[in-house]
Amino acid sequence: MKRTPPTHPRVRRQIEALGQRLRAARMRRSMTQQVMAERVGVSIPTLAKLENGEPSTSLATVLRVLTALGLAGDIDLIAAQDTLGRELQDNALRRTNARPRTPVP
């Protein structure tokens, strides 16, 4: 049996919200779980786990669901703007540039 590590409550809520959005997108397209599961190549229980926010669902399954819904481009937006990472990098560069270099004999 595959074990899933504990999920922080905030992250769990995000996963559940994603599942709800994916379910709503499927239903807006008048697609049954059976049809979606066939298009994605998973079982109906696996799709139900994803839509119910089960954290053990694989990222590959999420990507295939997004593709089946015509939303695959959304995945390209995740972490595209790494504001914090760029700020940390810029701060490190400022500190490095602020120190005068001592010549090596």
PDB file of N, CA and C in Angstrom:
ATOM      1  N   MET A   1       0.842  -1.185   0.000  1.00  0.00           N
ATOM      2  CA  MET A   1       0.000   0.000   0.000  1.00  0.00           C
ATOM      3  C   MET A   1       0.885   1.246   0.000  1.00  0.00           C
ATOM      4  N   LYS A   2       0.573   2.174  -0.879  1.00  0.00           N
ATOM      5  CA  LYS A   2       1.333   3.416  -0.986  1.00  0.00           C
ATOM      6  C   LYS A   2       0.950   4.341   0.163  1.00  0.00           C
ATOM      7  N   ARG A   3       1.965   4.908   0.817  1.00  0.00           N
ATOM      8  CA  ARG A   3       1.705   5.814   1.932  1.00  0.00           C
ATOM      9  C   ARG A   3       1.935   7.245   1.484  1.00  0.00           C
ATOM     10  N   THR A   4       1.010   8.109   1.849  1.00  0.00           N
ATOM     11  CA  THR A   4       1.121   9.523   1.548  1.00  0.00           C
ATOM     12  C   THR A   4       1.486  10.266   2.823  1.00  0.00           C
ATOM     13  N   PRO A   5       2.547  11.082   2.782  1.00  0.00           N
ATOM     14  CA  PRO A   5       2.910  11.817   3.992  1.00  0.00           C
ATOM     15  C   PRO A   5       1.792  12.770   4.411  1.00  0.00           C
ATOM     16  N   PRO A   6       1.770  13.144   5.689  1.00  0.00           N
ATOM     17  CA  PRO A   6       0.732  14.071   6.152  1.00  0.00           C
ATOM     18  C   PRO A   6       0.796  15.387   5.381  1.00  0.00           C
ATOM     19  N   THR A   7      -0.357  15.976   5.172  1.00  0.00           N
ATOM     20  CA  THR A   7      -0.454  17.220   4.421  1.00  0.00           C
ATOM     21  C   THR A   7      -0.877  18.335   5.370  1.00  0.00           C
ATOM     22  N   HIS A   8      -0.171  19.448   5.290  1.00  0.00           N
ATOM     23  CA  HIS A   8      -0.499  20.620   6.115  1.00  0.00           C
ATOM     24  C   HIS A   8      -1.934  21.051   5.807  1.00  0.00           C
ATOM     25  N   PRO A   9      -2.699  21.488   6.814  1.00  0.00           N
ATOM     26  CA  PRO A   9      -4.102  21.861   6.585  1.00  0.00           C
ATOM     27  C   PRO A   9      -4.295  22.910   5.488  1.00  0.00           C
ATOM     28  N   ARG A  10      -3.426  23.898   5.405  1.00  0.00           N
ATOM     29  CA  ARG A  10      -3.567  24.924   4.366  1.00  0.00           C
ATOM     30  C   ARG A  10      -3.382  24.300   2.980  1.00  0.00           C
ATOM     31  N   VAL A  11      -2.391  23.424   2.857  1.00  0.00           N
ATOM     32  CA  VAL A  11      -2.139  22.757   1.579  1.00  0.00           C
ATOM     33  C   VAL A  11      -3.294  21.834   1.237  1.00  0.00           C
ATOM     34  N   ARG A  12      -3.824  21.143   2.244  1.00  0.00           N
ATOM     35  CA  ARG A  12      -4.978  20.262   2.015  1.00  0.00           C
ATOM     36  C   ARG A  12      -6.154  21.063   1.451  1.00  0.00           C
ATOM     37  N   ARG A  13      -6.390  22.248   2.027  1.00  0.00           N
ATOM     38  CA  ARG A  13      -7.489  23.093   1.520  1.00  0.00           C
ATOM     39  C   ARG A  13      -7.236  23.497   0.069  1.00  0.00           C
ATOM     40  N   GLN A  14      -5.985  23.789  -0.275  1.00  0.00           N
ATOM     41  CA  GLN A  14      -5.663  24.151  -1.653  1.00  0.00           C
ATOM     42  C   GLN A  14      -5.907  22.978  -2.601  1.00  0.00           C
ATOM     43  N   ILE A  15      -5.526  21.794  -2.177  1.00  0.00           N
ATOM     44  CA  ILE A  15      -5.743  20.593  -3.001  1.00  0.00           C
ATOM     45  C   ILE A  15      -7.236  20.337  -3.172  1.00  0.00           C
ATOM     46  N   GLU A  16      -7.994  20.478  -2.093  1.00  0.00           N
ATOM     47  CA  GLU A  16      -9.442  20.290  -2.180  1.00  0.00           C
ATOM     48  C   GLU A  16     -10.078  21.325  -3.103  1.00  0.00           C
ATOM     49  N   ALA A  17      -9.610  22.573  -3.023  1.00  0.00           N
ATOM     50  CA  ALA A  17     -10.151  23.630  -3.887  1.00  0.00           C
ATOM     51  C   ALA A  17      -9.824  23.340  -5.347  1.00  0.00           C
ATOM     52  N   LEU A  18      -8.618  22.836  -5.618  1.00  0.00           N
ATOM     53  CA  LEU A  18      -8.256  22.475  -6.985  1.00  0.00           C
ATOM     54  C   LEU A  18      -9.174  21.365  -7.489  1.00  0.00           C
ATOM     55  N   GLY A  19      -9.404  20.362  -6.665  1.00  0.00           N
ATOM     56  CA  GLY A  19     -10.309  19.274  -7.048  1.00  0.00           C
ATOM     57  C   GLY A  19     -11.696  19.782  -7.380  1.00  0.00           C
ATOM     58  N   GLN A  20     -12.194  20.708  -6.576  1.00  0.00           N
ATOM     59  CA  GLN A  20     -13.518  21.284  -6.831  1.00  0.00           C
ATOM     60  C   GLN A  20     -13.535  22.062  -8.147  1.00  0.00           C
ATOM     61  N   ARG A  21     -12.460  22.808  -8.411  1.00  0.00           N
ATOM     62  CA  ARG A  21     -12.398  23.561  -9.675  1.00  0.00           C
ATOM     63  C   ARG A  21     -12.333  22.623 -10.874  1.00  0.00           C
ATOM     64  N   LEU A  22     -11.578  21.526 -10.738  1.00  0.00           N
ATOM     65  CA  LEU A  22     -11.501  20.562 -11.838  1.00  0.00           C
ATOM     66  C   LEU A  22     -12.845  19.879 -12.057  1.00  0.00           C
ATOM     67  N   ARG A  23     -13.543  19.540 -10.978  1.00  0.00           N
ATOM     68  CA  ARG A  23     -14.882  18.947 -11.102  1.00  0.00           C
ATOM     69  C   ARG A  23     -15.825  19.920 -11.804  1.00  0.00           C
ATOM     70  N   ALA A  24     -15.794  21.194 -11.379  1.00  0.00           N
ATOM     71  CA  ALA A  24     -16.669  22.197 -11.988  1.00  0.00           C
ATOM     72  C   ALA A  24     -16.352  22.357 -13.472  1.00  0.00           C
ATOM     73  N   ALA A  25     -15.072  22.359 -13.820  1.00  0.00           N
ATOM     74  CA  ALA A  25     -14.681  22.486 -15.230  1.00  0.00           C
ATOM     75  C   ALA A  25     -15.189  21.294 -16.035  1.00  0.00           C
ATOM     76  N   ARG A  26     -15.079  20.096 -15.462  1.00  0.00           N
ATOM     77  CA  ARG A  26     -15.580  18.897 -16.147  1.00  0.00           C
ATOM     78  C   ARG A  26     -17.086  18.990 -16.350  1.00  0.00           C
ATOM     79  N   MET A  27     -17.795  19.416 -15.315  1.00  0.00           N
ATOM     80  CA  MET A  27     -19.252  19.493 -15.397  1.00  0.00           C
ATOM     81  C   MET A  27     -19.699  20.593 -16.360  1.00  0.00           C
ATOM     82  N   ARG A  28     -18.967  21.705 -16.408  1.00  0.00           N
ATOM     83  CA  ARG A  28     -19.309  22.765 -17.373  1.00  0.00           C
ATOM     84  C   ARG A  28     -19.206  22.258 -18.810  1.00  0.00           C
ATOM     85  N   ARG A  29     -18.374  21.266 -19.009  1.00  0.00           N
ATOM     86  CA  ARG A  29     -18.217  20.685 -20.339  1.00  0.00           C
ATOM     87  C   ARG A  29     -19.167  19.514 -20.556  1.00  0.00           C
ATOM     88  N   SER A  30     -20.081  19.314 -19.616  1.00  0.00           N
ATOM     89  CA  SER A  30     -21.058  18.210 -19.672  1.00  0.00           C
ATOM     90  C   SER A  30     -20.379  16.863 -19.850  1.00  0.00           C
ATOM     91  N   MET A  31     -19.276  16.678 -19.134  1.00  0.00           N
ATOM     92  CA  MET A  31     -18.505  15.447 -19.235  1.00  0.00           C
ATOM     93  C   MET A  31     -18.730  14.624 -17.970  1.00  0.00           C
ATOM     94  N   THR A  32     -19.060  13.363 -18.133  1.00  0.00           N
ATOM     95  CA  THR A  32     -19.230  12.488 -16.971  1.00  0.00           C
ATOM     96  C   THR A  32     -17.861  12.056 -16.449  1.00  0.00           C
ATOM     97  N   GLN A  33     -17.860  11.543 -15.227  1.00  0.00           N
ATOM     98  CA  GLN A  33     -16.605  11.004 -14.687  1.00  0.00           C
ATOM     99  C   GLN A  33     -16.127   9.839 -15.547  1.00  0.00           C
ATOM    100  N   GLN A  34     -17.046   9.055 -16.066  1.00  0.00           N
ATOM    101  CA  GLN A  34     -16.677   7.914 -16.916  1.00  0.00           C
ATOM    102  C   GLN A  34     -15.920   8.384 -18.157  1.00  0.00           C
ATOM    103  N   VAL A  35     -16.456   9.385 -18.842  1.00  0.00           N
ATOM    104  CA  VAL A  35     -15.814   9.898 -20.056  1.00  0.00           C
ATOM    105  C   VAL A  35     -14.457  10.508 -19.715  1.00  0.00           C
ATOM    106  N   MET A  36     -14.408  11.310 -18.640  1.00  0.00           N
ATOM    107  CA  MET A  36     -13.144  11.933 -18.249  1.00  0.00           C
ATOM    108  C   MET A  36     -12.102  10.882 -17.894  1.00  0.00           C
ATOM    109  N   ALA A  37     -12.500   9.892 -17.111  1.00  0.00           N
ATOM    110  CA  ALA A  37     -11.573   8.832 -16.714  1.00  0.00           C
ATOM    111  C   ALA A  37     -11.013   8.115 -17.945  1.00  0.00           C
ATOM    112  N   GLU A  38     -11.866   7.848 -18.934  1.00  0.00           N
ATOM    113  CA  GLU A  38     -11.408   7.195 -20.162  1.00  0.00           C
ATOM    114  C   GLU A  38     -10.417   8.073 -20.913  1.00  0.00           C
ATOM    115  N   ARG A  39     -10.703   9.376 -21.020  1.00  0.00           N
ATOM    116  CA  ARG A  39      -9.814  10.291 -21.738  1.00  0.00           C
ATOM    117  C   ARG A  39      -8.467  10.438 -21.041  1.00  0.00           C
ATOM    118  N   VAL A  40      -8.498  10.389 -19.721  1.00  0.00           N
ATOM    119  CA  VAL A  40      -7.281  10.585 -18.936  1.00  0.00           C
ATOM    120  C   VAL A  40      -6.505   9.280 -18.763  1.00  0.00           C
ATOM    121  N   GLY A  41      -7.212   8.149 -18.877  1.00  0.00           N
ATOM    122  CA  GLY A  41      -6.560   6.851 -18.725  1.00  0.00           C
ATOM    123  C   GLY A  41      -6.434   6.420 -17.272  1.00  0.00           C
ATOM    124  N   VAL A  42      -7.426   6.783 -16.464  1.00  0.00           N
ATOM    125  CA  VAL A  42      -7.454   6.379 -15.056  1.00  0.00           C
ATOM    126  C   VAL A  42      -8.819   5.779 -14.753  1.00  0.00           C
ATOM    127  N   SER A  43      -8.931   5.209 -13.572  1.00  0.00           N
ATOM    128  CA  SER A  43     -10.223   4.651 -13.150  1.00  0.00           C
ATOM    129  C   SER A  43     -11.111   5.776 -12.613  1.00  0.00           C
ATOM    130  N   ILE A  44     -12.396   5.503 -12.548  1.00  0.00           N
ATOM    131  CA  ILE A  44     -13.337   6.479 -11.975  1.00  0.00           C
ATOM    132  C   ILE A  44     -12.981   6.767 -10.510  1.00  0.00           C
ATOM    133  N   PRO A  45     -12.632   5.752  -9.683  1.00  0.00           N
ATOM    134  CA  PRO A  45     -12.244   6.065  -8.308  1.00  0.00           C
ATOM    135  C   PRO A  45     -11.016   6.991  -8.223  1.00  0.00           C
ATOM    136  N   THR A  46     -10.066   6.836  -9.135  1.00  0.00           N
ATOM    137  CA  THR A  46      -8.895   7.718  -9.138  1.00  0.00           C
ATOM    138  C   THR A  46      -9.313   9.144  -9.466  1.00  0.00           C
ATOM    139  N   LEU A  47     -10.178   9.302 -10.450  1.00  0.00           N
ATOM    140  CA  LEU A  47     -10.667  10.630 -10.805  1.00  0.00           C
ATOM    141  C   LEU A  47     -11.462  11.226  -9.643  1.00  0.00           C
ATOM    142  N   ALA A  48     -12.259  10.412  -8.983  1.00  0.00           N
ATOM    143  CA  ALA A  48     -13.036  10.883  -7.830  1.00  0.00           C
ATOM    144  C   ALA A  48     -12.108  11.351  -6.710  1.00  0.00           C
ATOM    145  N   LYS A  49     -11.003  10.625  -6.485  1.00  0.00           N
ATOM    146  CA  LYS A  49     -10.026  11.041  -5.472  1.00  0.00           C
ATOM    147  C   LYS A  49      -9.467  12.413  -5.800  1.00  0.00           C
ATOM    148  N   LEU A  50      -9.141  12.641  -7.059  1.00  0.00           N
ATOM    149  CA  LEU A  50      -8.619  13.944  -7.482  1.00  0.00           C
ATOM    150  C   LEU A  50      -9.655  15.029  -7.231  1.00  0.00           C
ATOM    151  N   GLU A  51     -10.870  14.795  -7.651  1.00  0.00           N
ATOM    152  CA  GLU A  51     -11.928  15.801  -7.504  1.00  0.00           C
ATOM    153  C   GLU A  51     -12.304  16.036  -6.040  1.00  0.00           C
ATOM    154  N   ASN A  52     -12.039  15.050  -5.185  1.00  0.00           N
ATOM    155  CA  ASN A  52     -12.327  15.195  -3.758  1.00  0.00           C
ATOM    156  C   ASN A  52     -11.134  15.744  -2.972  1.00  0.00           C
ATOM    157  N   GLY A  53     -10.039  16.033  -3.670  1.00  0.00           N
ATOM    158  CA  GLY A  53      -8.893  16.636  -2.999  1.00  0.00           C
ATOM    159  C   GLY A  53      -8.007  15.664  -2.263  1.00  0.00           C
ATOM    160  N   GLU A  54      -7.955  14.431  -2.720  1.00  0.00           N
ATOM    161  CA  GLU A  54      -7.087  13.432  -2.105  1.00  0.00           C
ATOM    162  C   GLU A  54      -5.632  13.748  -2.484  1.00  0.00           C
ATOM    163  N   PRO A  55      -4.759  14.002  -1.497  1.00  0.00           N
ATOM    164  CA  PRO A  55      -3.397  14.429  -1.806  1.00  0.00           C
ATOM    165  C   PRO A  55      -2.515  13.364  -2.451  1.00  0.00           C
ATOM    166  N   SER A  56      -2.952  12.116  -2.490  1.00  0.00           N
ATOM    167  CA  SER A  56      -2.116  11.068  -3.089  1.00  0.00           C
ATOM    168  C   SER A  56      -2.209  11.031  -4.616  1.00  0.00           C
ATOM    169  N   THR A  57      -3.081  11.822  -5.207  1.00  0.00           N
ATOM    170  CA  THR A  57      -3.229  11.833  -6.662  1.00  0.00           C
ATOM    171  C   THR A  57      -1.947  12.351  -7.299  1.00  0.00           C
ATOM    172  N   SER A  58      -1.492  11.679  -8.343  1.00  0.00           N
ATOM    173  CA  SER A  58      -0.220  12.050  -8.958  1.00  0.00           C
ATOM    174  C   SER A  58      -0.331  13.334  -9.777  1.00  0.00           C
ATOM    175  N   LEU A  59       0.788  14.014  -9.873  1.00  0.00           N
ATOM    176  CA  LEU A  59       0.858  15.226 -10.689  1.00  0.00           C
ATOM    177  C   LEU A  59       0.579  14.890 -12.156  1.00  0.00           C
ATOM    178  N   ALA A  60       1.026  13.732 -12.603  1.00  0.00           N
ATOM    179  CA  ALA A  60       0.776  13.318 -13.988  1.00  0.00           C
ATOM    180  C   ALA A  60      -0.726  13.221 -14.262  1.00  0.00           C
ATOM    181  N   THR A  61      -1.485  12.711 -13.290  1.00  0.00           N
ATOM    182  CA  THR A  61      -2.936  12.622 -13.454  1.00  0.00           C
ATOM    183  C   THR A  61      -3.543  14.016 -13.542  1.00  0.00           C
ATOM    184  N   VAL A  62      -3.087  14.924 -12.693  1.00  0.00           N
ATOM    185  CA  VAL A  62      -3.589  16.307 -12.732  1.00  0.00           C
ATOM    186  C   VAL A  62      -3.301  16.914 -14.103  1.00  0.00           C
ATOM    187  N   LEU A  63      -2.100  16.714 -14.618  1.00  0.00           N
ATOM    188  CA  LEU A  63      -1.748  17.271 -15.931  1.00  0.00           C
ATOM    189  C   LEU A  63      -2.602  16.671 -17.045  1.00  0.00           C
ATOM    190  N   ARG A  64      -2.870  15.372 -16.978  1.00  0.00           N
ATOM    191  CA  ARG A  64      -3.707  14.753 -18.008  1.00  0.00           C
ATOM    192  C   ARG A  64      -5.142  15.249 -17.931  1.00  0.00           C
ATOM    193  N   VAL A  65      -5.644  15.493 -16.710  1.00  0.00           N
ATOM    194  CA  VAL A  65      -6.997  16.050 -16.550  1.00  0.00           C
ATOM    195  C   VAL A  65      -7.036  17.456 -17.132  1.00  0.00           C
ATOM    196  N   LEU A  66      -6.039  18.280 -16.812  1.00  0.00           N
ATOM    197  CA  LEU A  66      -5.988  19.641 -17.370  1.00  0.00           C
ATOM    198  C   LEU A  66      -5.973  19.604 -18.901  1.00  0.00           C
ATOM    199  N   THR A  67      -5.218  18.677 -19.457  1.00  0.00           N
ATOM    200  CA  THR A  67      -5.158  18.537 -20.916  1.00  0.00           C
ATOM    201  C   THR A  67      -6.521  18.147 -21.476  1.00  0.00           C
ATOM    202  N   ALA A  68      -7.180  17.181 -20.850  1.00  0.00           N
ATOM    203  CA  ALA A  68      -8.499  16.744 -21.314  1.00  0.00           C
ATOM    204  C   ALA A  68      -9.526  17.867 -21.234  1.00  0.00           C
ATOM    205  N   LEU A  69      -9.333  18.780 -20.284  1.00  0.00           N
ATOM    206  CA  LEU A  69     -10.259  19.913 -20.129  1.00  0.00           C
ATOM    207  C   LEU A  69      -9.875  21.110 -21.005  1.00  0.00           C
ATOM    208  N   GLY A  70      -8.742  21.009 -21.689  1.00  0.00           N
ATOM    209  CA  GLY A  70      -8.273  22.134 -22.508  1.00  0.00           C
ATOM    210  C   GLY A  70      -7.633  23.228 -21.665  1.00  0.00           C
ATOM    211  N   LEU A  71      -7.148  22.866 -20.479  1.00  0.00           N
ATOM    212  CA  LEU A  71      -6.569  23.842 -19.567  1.00  0.00           C
ATOM    213  C   LEU A  71      -5.080  23.598 -19.319  1.00  0.00           C
ATOM    214  N   ALA A  72      -4.432  22.859 -20.184  1.00  0.00           N
ATOM    215  CA  ALA A  72      -3.029  22.496 -19.968  1.00  0.00           C
ATOM    216  C   ALA A  72      -2.120  23.722 -19.896  1.00  0.00           C
ATOM    217  N   GLY A  73      -2.491  24.806 -20.551  1.00  0.00           N
ATOM    218  CA  GLY A  73      -1.678  26.017 -20.503  1.00  0.00           C
ATOM    219  C   GLY A  73      -1.592  26.606 -19.107  1.00  0.00           C
ATOM    220  N   ASP A  74      -2.581  26.318 -18.264  1.00  0.00           N
ATOM    221  CA  ASP A  74      -2.571  26.834 -16.900  1.00  0.00           C
ATOM    222  C   ASP A  74      -1.360  26.347 -16.112  1.00  0.00           C
ATOM    223  N   ILE A  75      -0.880  25.141 -16.416  1.00  0.00           N
ATOM    224  CA  ILE A  75       0.249  24.587 -15.671  1.00  0.00           C
ATOM    225  C   ILE A  75       1.515  25.413 -15.910  1.00  0.00           C
ATOM    226  N   ASP A  76       1.598  26.056 -17.058  1.00  0.00           N
ATOM    227  CA  ASP A  76       2.765  26.882 -17.371  1.00  0.00           C
ATOM    228  C   ASP A  76       2.822  28.141 -16.523  1.00  0.00           C
ATOM    229  N   LEU A  77       1.726  28.501 -15.889  1.00  0.00           N
ATOM    230  CA  LEU A  77       1.694  29.698 -15.056  1.00  0.00           C
ATOM    231  C   LEU A  77       2.204  29.449 -13.641  1.00  0.00           C
ATOM    232  N   ILE A  78       2.250  28.173 -13.230  1.00  0.00           N
ATOM    233  CA  ILE A  78       2.680  27.851 -11.874  1.00  0.00           C
ATOM    234  C   ILE A  78       4.163  28.164 -11.732  1.00  0.00           C
ATOM    235  N   ALA A  79       4.475  28.989 -10.759  1.00  0.00           N
ATOM    236  CA  ALA A  79       5.840  29.386 -10.409  1.00  0.00           C
ATOM    237  C   ALA A  79       6.558  30.113 -11.551  1.00  0.00           C
ATOM    238  N   ALA A  80       5.811  30.617 -12.526  1.00  0.00           N
ATOM    239  CA  ALA A  80       6.438  31.363 -13.617  1.00  0.00           C
ATOM    240  C   ALA A  80       7.008  32.687 -13.116  1.00  0.00           C
ATOM    241  N   GLN A  81       6.333  33.299 -12.178  1.00  0.00           N
ATOM    242  CA  GLN A  81       6.795  34.554 -11.588  1.00  0.00           C
ATOM    243  C   GLN A  81       7.288  34.266 -10.178  1.00  0.00           C
ATOM    244  N   ASP A  82       8.569  34.007 -10.032  1.00  0.00           N
ATOM    245  CA  ASP A  82       9.149  33.680  -8.731  1.00  0.00           C
ATOM    246  C   ASP A  82       9.667  34.959  -8.079  1.00  0.00           C
ATOM    247  N   THR A  83       8.742  35.777  -7.602  1.00  0.00           N
ATOM    248  CA  THR A  83       9.082  37.069  -7.022  1.00  0.00           C
ATOM    249  C   THR A  83      10.018  36.919  -5.834  1.00  0.00           C
ATOM    250  N   LEU A  84       9.703  36.034  -4.914  1.00  0.00           N
ATOM    251  CA  LEU A  84      10.540  35.842  -3.737  1.00  0.00           C
ATOM    252  C   LEU A  84      11.935  35.359  -4.126  1.00  0.00           C
ATOM    253  N   GLY A  85      12.017  34.387  -5.006  1.00  0.00           N
ATOM    254  CA  GLY A  85      13.315  33.858  -5.439  1.00  0.00           C
ATOM    255  C   GLY A  85      14.176  34.925  -6.097  1.00  0.00           C
ATOM    256  N   ARG A  86      13.560  35.739  -6.945  1.00  0.00           N
ATOM    257  CA  ARG A  86      14.319  36.815  -7.598  1.00  0.00           C
ATOM    258  C   ARG A  86      14.787  37.858  -6.588  1.00  0.00           C
ATOM    259  N   GLU A  87      13.941  38.164  -5.605  1.00  0.00           N
ATOM    260  CA  GLU A  87      14.326  39.132  -4.575  1.00  0.00           C
ATOM    261  C   GLU A  87      15.497  38.608  -3.751  1.00  0.00           C
ATOM    262  N   LEU A  88      15.436  37.340  -3.383  1.00  0.00           N
ATOM    263  CA  LEU A  88      16.542  36.735  -2.635  1.00  0.00           C
ATOM    264  C   LEU A  88      17.826  36.747  -3.450  1.00  0.00           C
ATOM    265  N   GLN A  89      17.712  36.426  -4.727  1.00  0.00           N
ATOM    266  CA  GLN A  89      18.872  36.418  -5.603  1.00  0.00           C
ATOM    267  C   GLN A  89      19.442  37.827  -5.756  1.00  0.00           C
ATOM    268  N   ASP A  90      18.587  38.813  -5.962  1.00  0.00           N
ATOM    269  CA  ASP A  90      19.045  40.201  -6.105  1.00  0.00           C
ATOM    270  C   ASP A  90      19.716  40.693  -4.833  1.00  0.00           C
ATOM    271  N   ASN A  91      19.163  40.334  -3.663  1.00  0.00           N
ATOM    272  CA  ASN A  91      19.774  40.737  -2.402  1.00  0.00           C
ATOM    273  C   ASN A  91      21.164  40.126  -2.242  1.00  0.00           C
ATOM    274  N   ALA A  92      21.308  38.879  -2.632  1.00  0.00           N
ATOM    275  CA  ALA A  92      22.616  38.220  -2.547  1.00  0.00           C
ATOM    276  C   ALA A  92      23.611  38.893  -3.484  1.00  0.00           C
ATOM    277  N   LEU A  93      23.144  39.292  -4.671  1.00  0.00           N
ATOM    278  CA  LEU A  93      24.037  39.975  -5.615  1.00  0.00           C
ATOM    279  C   LEU A  93      24.455  41.340  -5.081  1.00  0.00           C
ATOM    280  N   ARG A  94      23.538  42.040  -4.443  1.00  0.00           N
ATOM    281  CA  ARG A  94      23.869  43.354  -3.873  1.00  0.00           C
ATOM    282  C   ARG A  94      24.940  43.219  -2.798  1.00  0.00           C
ATOM    283  N   ARG A  95      24.792  42.207  -1.949  1.00  0.00           N
ATOM    284  CA  ARG A  95      25.791  41.999  -0.891  1.00  0.00           C
ATOM    285  C   ARG A  95      27.140  41.656  -1.493  1.00  0.00           C
ATOM    286  N   THR A  96      27.150  40.839  -2.514  1.00  0.00           N
ATOM    287  CA  THR A  96      28.395  40.443  -3.162  1.00  0.00           C
ATOM    288  C   THR A  96      29.058  41.646  -3.818  1.00  0.00           C
ATOM    289  N   ASN A  97      28.268  42.465  -4.486  1.00  0.00           N
ATOM    290  CA  ASN A  97      28.822  43.641  -5.175  1.00  0.00           C
ATOM    291  C   ASN A  97      29.226  44.730  -4.214  1.00  0.00           C
ATOM    292  N   ALA A  98      28.665  44.753  -3.011  1.00  0.00           N
ATOM    293  CA  ALA A  98      28.963  45.808  -2.053  1.00  0.00           C
ATOM    294  C   ALA A  98      30.349  45.647  -1.432  1.00  0.00           C
ATOM    295  N   ARG A  99      30.856  44.439  -1.371  1.00  0.00           N
ATOM    296  CA  ARG A  99      32.169  44.192  -0.762  1.00  0.00           C
ATOM    297  C   ARG A  99      33.287  44.513  -1.750  1.00  0.00           C
ATOM    298  N   PRO A 100      34.245  45.323  -1.311  1.00  0.00           N
ATOM    299  CA  PRO A 100      35.378  45.582  -2.224  1.00  0.00           C
ATOM    300  C   PRO A 100      36.224  44.321  -2.354  1.00  0.00           C
ATOM    301  N   ARG A 101      36.701  44.113  -3.523  1.00  0.00           N
ATOM    302  CA  ARG A 101      37.546  42.938  -3.776  1.00  0.00           C
ATOM    303  C   ARG A 101      38.979  43.252  -3.367  1.00  0.00           C
ATOM    304  N   THR A 102      39.588  42.333  -2.714  1.00  0.00           N
ATOM    305  CA  THR A 102      40.992  42.497  -2.374  1.00  0.00           C
ATOM    306  C   THR A 102      41.811  41.743  -3.417  1.00  0.00           C
ATOM    307  N   PRO A 103      42.817  42.396  -3.941  1.00  0.00           N
ATOM    308  CA  PRO A 103      43.623  41.741  -4.984  1.00  0.00           C
ATOM    309  C   PRO A 103      44.345  40.515  -4.420  1.00  0.00           C
ATOM    310  N   VAL A 104      44.403  39.521  -5.215  1.00  0.00           N
ATOM    311  CA  VAL A 104      45.114  38.306  -4.849  1.00  0.00           C
ATOM    312  C   VAL A 104      46.548  38.459  -5.295  1.00  0.00           C
ATOM    313  N   PRO A 105      47.523  38.317  -4.339  1.00  0.00           N
ATOM    314  CA  PRO A 105      48.956  38.495  -4.719  1.00  0.00           C
ATOM    315  C   PRO A 105      49.455  37.426  -5.629  1.00  0.00           C
TER     316      PRO A 105
END
